[in-house]
Amino acid sequence: MKGIHDLDPQMIDRGVVMVIPKPKFYEWEEEVFPGSPTTADRNEFTSYLIDDEAYNGDAKQALKKHWKFIFENELFSVCTDDALWPKRRTWKSFNEFFEVKFSTMVFDLLDDGVYKANY
């Protein structure tokens, strides 16, 4: 196992937002697919890179430009039919569906480049 003196990590100029579903998200998922296994057992959550200077303790300000995309992307990951998504997708409902965790310290521990795919 490599230690701190064996690596040459690069700090990247991005912050990270980890989006963690709350019970309300899983309730919606159960409404859409009754009786099917939900994603509640996942131990993996989606992370989004944002401007590393965007987060100053104010989640709403940091996500001002991106919360709607994040909300819809998380819904899409469960159900591609947007007619079945919650009709009211506001900042308030986003916060009812998700907890968000921020980090402004992002290190790339790999030597190879980052692959970006169009979405």
Protein backbone atom coordinates (compact mmCIF):
# COMPACT_ATOMS: atom_id res chain seq x y z
CA MET A 1 0.00 0.00 0.00
CA LYS A 2 1.37 3.38 -0.98
CA GLY A 3 1.80 6.07 1.64
CA ILE A 4 1.71 9.84 1.38
CA HIS A 5 5.37 10.01 0.33
CA ASP A 6 4.87 7.45 -2.47
CA LEU A 7 2.15 9.32 -4.35
CA ASP A 8 2.05 12.57 -6.24
CA PRO A 9 -1.63 13.45 -5.85
CA GLN A 10 -3.02 16.43 -7.67
CA MET A 11 -5.59 18.68 -6.04
CA ILE A 12 -8.17 19.54 -8.65
CA ASP A 13 -10.08 22.79 -8.96
CA ARG A 14 -13.51 21.34 -8.29
CA GLY A 15 -15.71 20.76 -5.32
CA VAL A 16 -17.80 17.64 -4.84
CA VAL A 17 -21.48 17.37 -3.98
CA MET A 18 -22.57 13.91 -2.84
CA VAL A 19 -26.33 13.42 -3.16
CA ILE A 20 -27.83 10.99 -0.64
CA PRO A 21 -31.49 10.01 -1.03
CA LYS A 22 -33.78 10.48 1.96
CA PRO A 23 -36.79 8.28 2.83
CA LYS A 24 -39.10 10.48 0.71
CA PHE A 25 -37.09 9.55 -2.41
CA TYR A 26 -37.50 5.84 -1.63
CA GLU A 27 -41.22 6.33 -0.95
CA TRP A 28 -41.58 7.86 -4.42
CA GLU A 29 -39.58 4.97 -5.91
CA GLU A 30 -41.90 2.47 -4.22
CA GLU A 31 -44.95 4.34 -5.61
CA VAL A 32 -43.53 4.13 -9.15
CA PHE A 33 -42.48 0.47 -8.89
CA PRO A 34 -44.61 -1.13 -6.15
CA GLY A 35 -43.18 -4.37 -4.80
CA SER A 36 -39.88 -4.02 -6.66
CA PRO A 37 -36.60 -3.78 -4.79
CA THR A 38 -35.65 -0.15 -4.22
CA THR A 39 -32.24 1.45 -4.39
CA ALA A 40 -32.41 1.98 -0.60
CA ASP A 41 -29.89 -0.81 -0.03
CA ARG A 42 -27.22 0.92 -2.09
CA ASN A 43 -24.11 2.02 -0.32
CA GLU A 44 -23.06 4.11 -3.28
CA PHE A 45 -24.30 7.59 -4.06
CA THR A 46 -23.95 9.94 -7.00
CA SER A 47 -21.37 12.71 -6.77
CA TYR A 48 -21.26 15.84 -8.87
CA LEU A 49 -18.29 18.11 -9.45
CA ILE A 50 -18.96 21.82 -8.99
CA ASP A 51 -16.92 25.00 -8.83
CA ASP A 52 -14.62 24.58 -5.83
CA GLU A 53 -15.38 28.13 -4.71
CA ALA A 54 -19.16 27.73 -4.93
CA TYR A 55 -19.63 26.27 -1.46
CA ASN A 56 -19.18 28.67 1.41
CA GLY A 57 -21.54 26.98 3.85
CA ASP A 58 -24.70 27.89 1.88
CA ALA A 59 -26.04 24.82 0.06
CA LYS A 60 -28.69 26.75 -1.85
CA GLN A 61 -26.18 29.24 -3.20
CA ALA A 62 -23.71 26.48 -4.12
CA LEU A 63 -26.35 24.47 -5.98
CA LYS A 64 -28.26 27.43 -7.43
CA LYS A 65 -27.24 26.59 -11.00
CA HIS A 66 -27.39 22.82 -10.72
CA TRP A 67 -29.98 21.55 -8.25
CA LYS A 68 -32.70 21.07 -10.88
CA PHE A 69 -30.42 18.97 -13.11
CA ILE A 70 -29.27 16.95 -10.09
CA PHE A 71 -32.89 16.38 -8.97
CA GLU A 72 -33.99 15.23 -12.41
CA ASN A 73 -30.88 13.12 -12.96
CA GLU A 74 -31.49 11.28 -9.69
CA LEU A 75 -35.14 10.68 -10.65
CA PHE A 76 -34.05 9.54 -14.13
CA SER A 77 -31.68 7.01 -12.57
CA VAL A 78 -34.75 5.22 -11.18
CA CYS A 79 -37.42 5.98 -13.80
CA THR A 80 -36.83 7.28 -17.32
CA ASP A 81 -40.50 8.24 -17.76
CA ASP A 82 -40.64 11.83 -16.55
CA ALA A 83 -44.46 11.67 -16.48
CA LEU A 84 -44.03 9.55 -13.33
CA TRP A 85 -41.71 12.01 -11.62
CA PRO A 86 -43.03 14.25 -8.85
CA LYS A 87 -44.86 17.16 -10.44
CA ARG A 88 -43.52 19.68 -7.91
CA ARG A 89 -39.76 19.83 -8.24
CA THR A 90 -38.78 22.85 -6.19
CA TRP A 91 -35.76 23.63 -4.04
CA LYS A 92 -37.89 22.69 -1.02
CA SER A 93 -38.84 19.30 -2.48
CA PHE A 94 -35.22 18.71 -3.55
CA ASN A 95 -34.25 19.04 0.11
CA GLU A 96 -37.08 16.73 1.16
CA PHE A 97 -35.79 14.07 -1.26
CA PHE A 98 -32.03 14.46 -0.75
CA GLU A 99 -29.33 15.19 1.75
CA VAL A 100 -26.24 16.79 0.24
CA LYS A 101 -22.67 16.64 1.46
CA PHE A 102 -19.99 18.97 0.17
CA SER A 103 -16.22 18.78 -0.07
CA THR A 104 -13.97 21.46 -1.48
CA MET A 105 -10.83 19.34 -1.12
CA VAL A 106 -10.66 16.99 -4.11
CA PHE A 107 -7.53 14.99 -4.86
CA ASP A 108 -6.87 12.88 -7.94
CA LEU A 109 -4.82 9.89 -6.78
CA LEU A 110 -4.40 8.40 -10.25
CA ASP A 111 -1.68 9.13 -12.76
CA ASP A 112 -3.76 8.71 -15.90
CA GLY A 113 -6.06 11.35 -17.37
CA VAL A 114 -9.73 11.77 -16.70
CA TYR A 115 -12.12 10.40 -19.31
CA LYS A 116 -15.18 12.56 -19.93
CA ALA A 117 -18.23 11.12 -21.65
CA ASN A 118 -21.06 13.21 -23.07
CA TYR A 119 -24.30 12.62 -21.21
